Amino acid sequence: MVIPAAASDRSGDVPVQSGAAPAADTLPTIELVRPMPGFPGHRRFVLVRLDADGLLYAFTSADDPQLRFMVVPPPAFFPDYAPEIDDETMHLLGVDDPEQVLVLLVVTVGESPSDATANLMAPILVDQINRRAVQAVLTGSGLPVRAPLTTS
């Protein structure tokens, strides 16, 4: 199933908090259906907006606020990004309609903003209705793990 970049150009029904410190007890929790690689004990996250334009978010552990991943919705940076998601992943999320999936790209921050990259091979997919999520590794896609992050 292909999820077009335009479908990811909104946070939709996934509530976000503005600011740097999430109030995990007041924000709806996003539950990973399987942990992100390298972080087996972390499944509950909140999404925190870090800028007024909605271009940068922190995907922050609800159990350990020191653990956070910088994420971006693809359209502003990769407008043609349309990951092909297999049926097994969609089933894990409990999703039939790709329009209800929010796609987020994990960002690696460099020494300067111009050094930042995004992982196109392993997007985080969030079902905006049931708030279940998974980091899908698109093996064999040929997509880069470190694509330069520049606005289009």
C-alpha atoms as a PDB file:
ATOM      1  CA  MET A   1       0.000   0.000   0.000  1.00  0.00           C
ATOM      2  CA  VAL A   2       1.458   3.376  -0.991  1.00  0.00           C
ATOM      3  CA  ILE A   3       1.088   6.287   1.403  1.00  0.00           C
ATOM      4  CA  PRO A   4       1.400   9.585  -0.493  1.00  0.00           C
ATOM      5  CA  ALA A   5       3.389  12.432   1.040  1.00  0.00           C
ATOM      6  CA  ALA A   6       0.291  14.622   1.043  1.00  0.00           C
ATOM      7  CA  ALA A   7      -1.366  12.236   3.494  1.00  0.00           C
ATOM      8  CA  SER A   8       1.412  13.054   5.951  1.00  0.00           C
ATOM      9  CA  ASP A   9       1.074  16.815   5.732  1.00  0.00           C
ATOM     10  CA  ARG A  10      -0.980  17.049   8.899  1.00  0.00           C
ATOM     11  CA  SER A  11      -0.944  15.748  12.391  1.00  0.00           C
ATOM     12  CA  GLY A  12      -4.673  15.118  12.007  1.00  0.00           C
ATOM     13  CA  ASP A  13      -6.217  13.436  15.013  1.00  0.00           C
ATOM     14  CA  VAL A  14      -2.889  12.839  16.736  1.00  0.00           C
ATOM     15  CA  PRO A  15      -2.785  15.552  19.411  1.00  0.00           C
ATOM     16  CA  VAL A  16       0.529  17.306  19.821  1.00  0.00           C
ATOM     17  CA  GLN A  17       1.892  19.580  22.482  1.00  0.00           C
ATOM     18  CA  SER A  18       3.896  22.686  21.672  1.00  0.00           C
ATOM     19  CA  GLY A  19       7.072  23.282  23.604  1.00  0.00           C
ATOM     20  CA  ALA A  20      10.066  21.300  24.731  1.00  0.00           C
ATOM     21  CA  ALA A  21       8.786  19.358  27.743  1.00  0.00           C
ATOM     22  CA  PRO A  22       5.829  17.028  27.252  1.00  0.00           C
ATOM     23  CA  ALA A  23       3.273  16.553  29.951  1.00  0.00           C
ATOM     24  CA  ALA A  24       3.044  12.821  29.397  1.00  0.00           C
ATOM     25  CA  ASP A  25       0.188  12.442  31.859  1.00  0.00           C
ATOM     26  CA  THR A  26      -2.038  14.870  29.906  1.00  0.00           C
ATOM     27  CA  LEU A  27      -1.146  14.014  26.305  1.00  0.00           C
ATOM     28  CA  PRO A  28      -2.620  11.046  24.494  1.00  0.00           C
ATOM     29  CA  THR A  29      -0.031   8.325  24.221  1.00  0.00           C
ATOM     30  CA  ILE A  30       1.115   6.825  20.948  1.00  0.00           C
ATOM     31  CA  GLU A  31       1.761   3.122  21.455  1.00  0.00           C
ATOM     32  CA  LEU A  32       4.411   1.391  19.341  1.00  0.00           C
ATOM     33  CA  VAL A  33       3.180  -2.058  18.315  1.00  0.00           C
ATOM     34  CA  ARG A  34       6.817  -3.146  18.317  1.00  0.00           C
ATOM     35  CA  PRO A  35       9.717  -1.209  19.809  1.00  0.00           C
ATOM     36  CA  MET A  36      12.046   0.822  17.636  1.00  0.00           C
ATOM     37  CA  PRO A  37      15.299  -1.016  16.857  1.00  0.00           C
ATOM     38  CA  GLY A  38      17.740  -0.503  19.720  1.00  0.00           C
ATOM     39  CA  PHE A  39      15.084   0.667  22.190  1.00  0.00           C
ATOM     40  CA  PRO A  40      13.274  -2.506  23.337  1.00  0.00           C
ATOM     41  CA  GLY A  41      11.906  -1.074  26.591  1.00  0.00           C
ATOM     42  CA  HIS A  42      10.223   1.953  25.038  1.00  0.00           C
ATOM     43  CA  ARG A  43       6.764   1.652  23.492  1.00  0.00           C
ATOM     44  CA  ARG A  44       4.827   4.686  24.763  1.00  0.00           C
ATOM     45  CA  PHE A  45       5.524   8.077  23.143  1.00  0.00           C
ATOM     46  CA  VAL A  46       4.009  11.529  22.798  1.00  0.00           C
ATOM     47  CA  LEU A  47       4.422  13.912  19.883  1.00  0.00           C
ATOM     48  CA  VAL A  48       5.662  17.399  20.805  1.00  0.00           C
ATOM     49  CA  ARG A  49       5.674  20.235  18.255  1.00  0.00           C
ATOM     50  CA  LEU A  50       8.936  22.154  18.411  1.00  0.00           C
ATOM     51  CA  ASP A  51       8.240  24.999  15.986  1.00  0.00           C
ATOM     52  CA  ALA A  52       5.298  27.207  15.055  1.00  0.00           C
ATOM     53  CA  ASP A  53       5.164  25.946  11.464  1.00  0.00           C
ATOM     54  CA  GLY A  54       4.727  22.291  12.413  1.00  0.00           C
ATOM     55  CA  LEU A  55       7.885  21.233  10.588  1.00  0.00           C
ATOM     56  CA  LEU A  56       9.786  19.781  13.539  1.00  0.00           C
ATOM     57  CA  TYR A  57       8.509  17.484  16.280  1.00  0.00           C
ATOM     58  CA  ALA A  58       9.976  15.477  19.136  1.00  0.00           C
ATOM     59  CA  PHE A  59       8.759  11.892  19.368  1.00  0.00           C
ATOM     60  CA  THR A  60       9.303  11.640  23.120  1.00  0.00           C
ATOM     61  CA  SER A  61       9.169   8.591  25.363  1.00  0.00           C
ATOM     62  CA  ALA A  62       6.318   8.893  27.858  1.00  0.00           C
ATOM     63  CA  ASP A  63       8.319   6.807  30.334  1.00  0.00           C
ATOM     64  CA  ASP A  64      11.708   8.503  29.863  1.00  0.00           C
ATOM     65  CA  PRO A  65      11.407  12.115  28.601  1.00  0.00           C
ATOM     66  CA  GLN A  66      15.177  12.184  28.066  1.00  0.00           C
ATOM     67  CA  LEU A  67      14.638   9.775  25.150  1.00  0.00           C
ATOM     68  CA  ARG A  68      13.349  11.648  22.157  1.00  0.00           C
ATOM     69  CA  PHE A  69      13.685  11.463  18.425  1.00  0.00           C
ATOM     70  CA  MET A  70      13.497  14.518  16.215  1.00  0.00           C
ATOM     71  CA  VAL A  71      10.941  13.814  13.482  1.00  0.00           C
ATOM     72  CA  VAL A  72       9.484  15.685  10.534  1.00  0.00           C
ATOM     73  CA  PRO A  73       6.477  15.130   8.271  1.00  0.00           C
ATOM     74  CA  PRO A  74       7.896  14.481   4.778  1.00  0.00           C
ATOM     75  CA  PRO A  75       6.026  16.960   2.497  1.00  0.00           C
ATOM     76  CA  ALA A  76       8.048  20.093   3.310  1.00  0.00           C
ATOM     77  CA  PHE A  77      11.329  18.283   2.727  1.00  0.00           C
ATOM     78  CA  PHE A  78      10.512  15.340   0.440  1.00  0.00           C
ATOM     79  CA  PRO A  79       7.250  16.185  -1.404  1.00  0.00           C
ATOM     80  CA  ASP A  80       7.421  13.092  -3.640  1.00  0.00           C
ATOM     81  CA  TYR A  81       8.059  10.675  -0.776  1.00  0.00           C
ATOM     82  CA  ALA A  82       5.470   7.900  -0.974  1.00  0.00           C
ATOM     83  CA  PRO A  83       6.626   4.833   0.946  1.00  0.00           C
ATOM     84  CA  GLU A  84       5.275   1.444  -0.069  1.00  0.00           C
ATOM     85  CA  ILE A  85       4.007  -0.184   3.121  1.00  0.00           C
ATOM     86  CA  ASP A  86       3.427  -3.917   3.173  1.00  0.00           C
ATOM     87  CA  ASP A  87       0.139  -5.481   4.226  1.00  0.00           C
ATOM     88  CA  GLU A  88       1.694  -7.009   7.364  1.00  0.00           C
ATOM     89  CA  THR A  89       2.686  -3.564   8.664  1.00  0.00           C
ATOM     90  CA  MET A  90      -0.743  -2.124   7.907  1.00  0.00           C
ATOM     91  CA  HIS A  91      -2.284  -5.105   9.713  1.00  0.00           C
ATOM     92  CA  LEU A  92      -0.044  -4.488  12.758  1.00  0.00           C
ATOM     93  CA  LEU A  93      -1.435  -0.952  12.899  1.00  0.00           C
ATOM     94  CA  GLY A  94      -4.994  -2.140  12.316  1.00  0.00           C
ATOM     95  CA  VAL A  95      -5.316   0.180   9.307  1.00  0.00           C
ATOM     96  CA  ASP A  96      -7.187  -0.307   6.043  1.00  0.00           C
ATOM     97  CA  ASP A  97      -7.155   3.298   4.832  1.00  0.00           C
ATOM     98  CA  PRO A  98      -3.689   4.791   4.134  1.00  0.00           C
ATOM     99  CA  GLU A  99      -5.187   8.283   4.530  1.00  0.00           C
ATOM    100  CA  GLN A 100      -5.411   7.761   8.303  1.00  0.00           C
ATOM    101  CA  VAL A 101      -1.645   7.126   8.587  1.00  0.00           C
ATOM    102  CA  LEU A 102       0.654   9.942   9.633  1.00  0.00           C
ATOM    103  CA  VAL A 103       4.185   9.438   8.282  1.00  0.00           C
ATOM    104  CA  LEU A 104       7.110  10.841  10.248  1.00  0.00           C
ATOM    105  CA  LEU A 105      10.791  10.734   9.313  1.00  0.00           C
ATOM    106  CA  VAL A 106      13.465  10.394  11.981  1.00  0.00           C
ATOM    107  CA  VAL A 107      16.054  13.176  11.736  1.00  0.00           C
ATOM    108  CA  THR A 108      19.725  12.940  12.600  1.00  0.00           C
ATOM    109  CA  VAL A 109      20.898  16.356  13.726  1.00  0.00           C
ATOM    110  CA  GLY A 110      24.351  17.386  12.558  1.00  0.00           C
ATOM    111  CA  GLU A 111      26.745  19.994  13.863  1.00  0.00           C
ATOM    112  CA  SER A 112      24.819  22.635  11.923  1.00  0.00           C
ATOM    113  CA  PRO A 113      21.277  22.664  10.497  1.00  0.00           C
ATOM    114  CA  SER A 114      22.681  22.096   7.010  1.00  0.00           C
ATOM    115  CA  ASP A 115      24.150  18.770   8.192  1.00  0.00           C
ATOM    116  CA  ALA A 116      20.761  17.321   9.257  1.00  0.00           C
ATOM    117  CA  THR A 117      19.561  14.183   7.488  1.00  0.00           C
ATOM    118  CA  ALA A 118      16.317  12.197   7.436  1.00  0.00           C
ATOM    119  CA  ASN A 119      15.890   8.444   7.398  1.00  0.00           C
ATOM    120  CA  LEU A 120      13.663   7.682   4.405  1.00  0.00           C
ATOM    121  CA  MET A 121      14.160   3.932   4.744  1.00  0.00           C
ATOM    122  CA  ALA A 122      12.557   3.631   8.191  1.00  0.00           C
ATOM    123  CA  PRO A 123       9.605   6.006   8.639  1.00  0.00           C
ATOM    124  CA  ILE A 124       7.465   6.021  11.761  1.00  0.00           C
ATOM    125  CA  LEU A 125       3.851   5.320  10.805  1.00  0.00           C
ATOM    126  CA  VAL A 126       1.111   6.474  13.167  1.00  0.00           C
ATOM    127  CA  ASP A 127      -2.532   5.477  12.895  1.00  0.00           C
ATOM    128  CA  GLN A 128      -4.225   8.770  13.672  1.00  0.00           C
ATOM    129  CA  ILE A 129      -7.369   7.096  14.970  1.00  0.00           C
ATOM    130  CA  ASN A 130      -6.141   4.401  17.363  1.00  0.00           C
ATOM    131  CA  ARG A 131      -2.709   6.015  18.006  1.00  0.00           C
ATOM    132  CA  ARG A 132      -0.825   2.810  17.277  1.00  0.00           C
ATOM    133  CA  ALA A 133       2.543   3.256  15.587  1.00  0.00           C
ATOM    134  CA  VAL A 134       5.430   1.319  14.120  1.00  0.00           C
ATOM    135  CA  GLN A 135       8.785   2.151  12.637  1.00  0.00           C
ATOM    136  CA  ALA A 136       8.641   0.380   9.287  1.00  0.00           C
ATOM    137  CA  VAL A 137      11.993  -0.658   7.830  1.00  0.00           C
ATOM    138  CA  LEU A 138      11.544  -0.579   4.057  1.00  0.00           C
ATOM    139  CA  THR A 139      14.220  -3.156   3.241  1.00  0.00           C
ATOM    140  CA  GLY A 140      14.995  -3.401  -0.449  1.00  0.00           C
ATOM    141  CA  SER A 141      13.401  -0.034  -1.207  1.00  0.00           C
ATOM    142  CA  GLY A 142      16.665   1.631  -2.133  1.00  0.00           C
ATOM    143  CA  LEU A 143      15.638   4.632  -0.029  1.00  0.00           C
ATOM    144  CA  PRO A 144      18.474   6.368   1.837  1.00  0.00           C
ATOM    145  CA  VAL A 145      19.009   6.253   5.578  1.00  0.00           C
ATOM    146  CA  ARG A 146      20.636   9.703   5.515  1.00  0.00           C
ATOM    147  CA  ALA A 147      18.927  11.964   2.976  1.00  0.00           C
ATOM    148  CA  PRO A 148      19.950  15.646   3.285  1.00  0.00           C
ATOM    149  CA  LEU A 149      17.179  17.591   4.987  1.00  0.00           C
ATOM    150  CA  THR A 150      16.423  20.695   2.949  1.00  0.00           C
ATOM    151  CA  THR A 151      13.116  22.461   2.467  1.00  0.00           C
ATOM    152  CA  SER A 152      11.671  22.331  -1.013  1.00  0.00           C
END
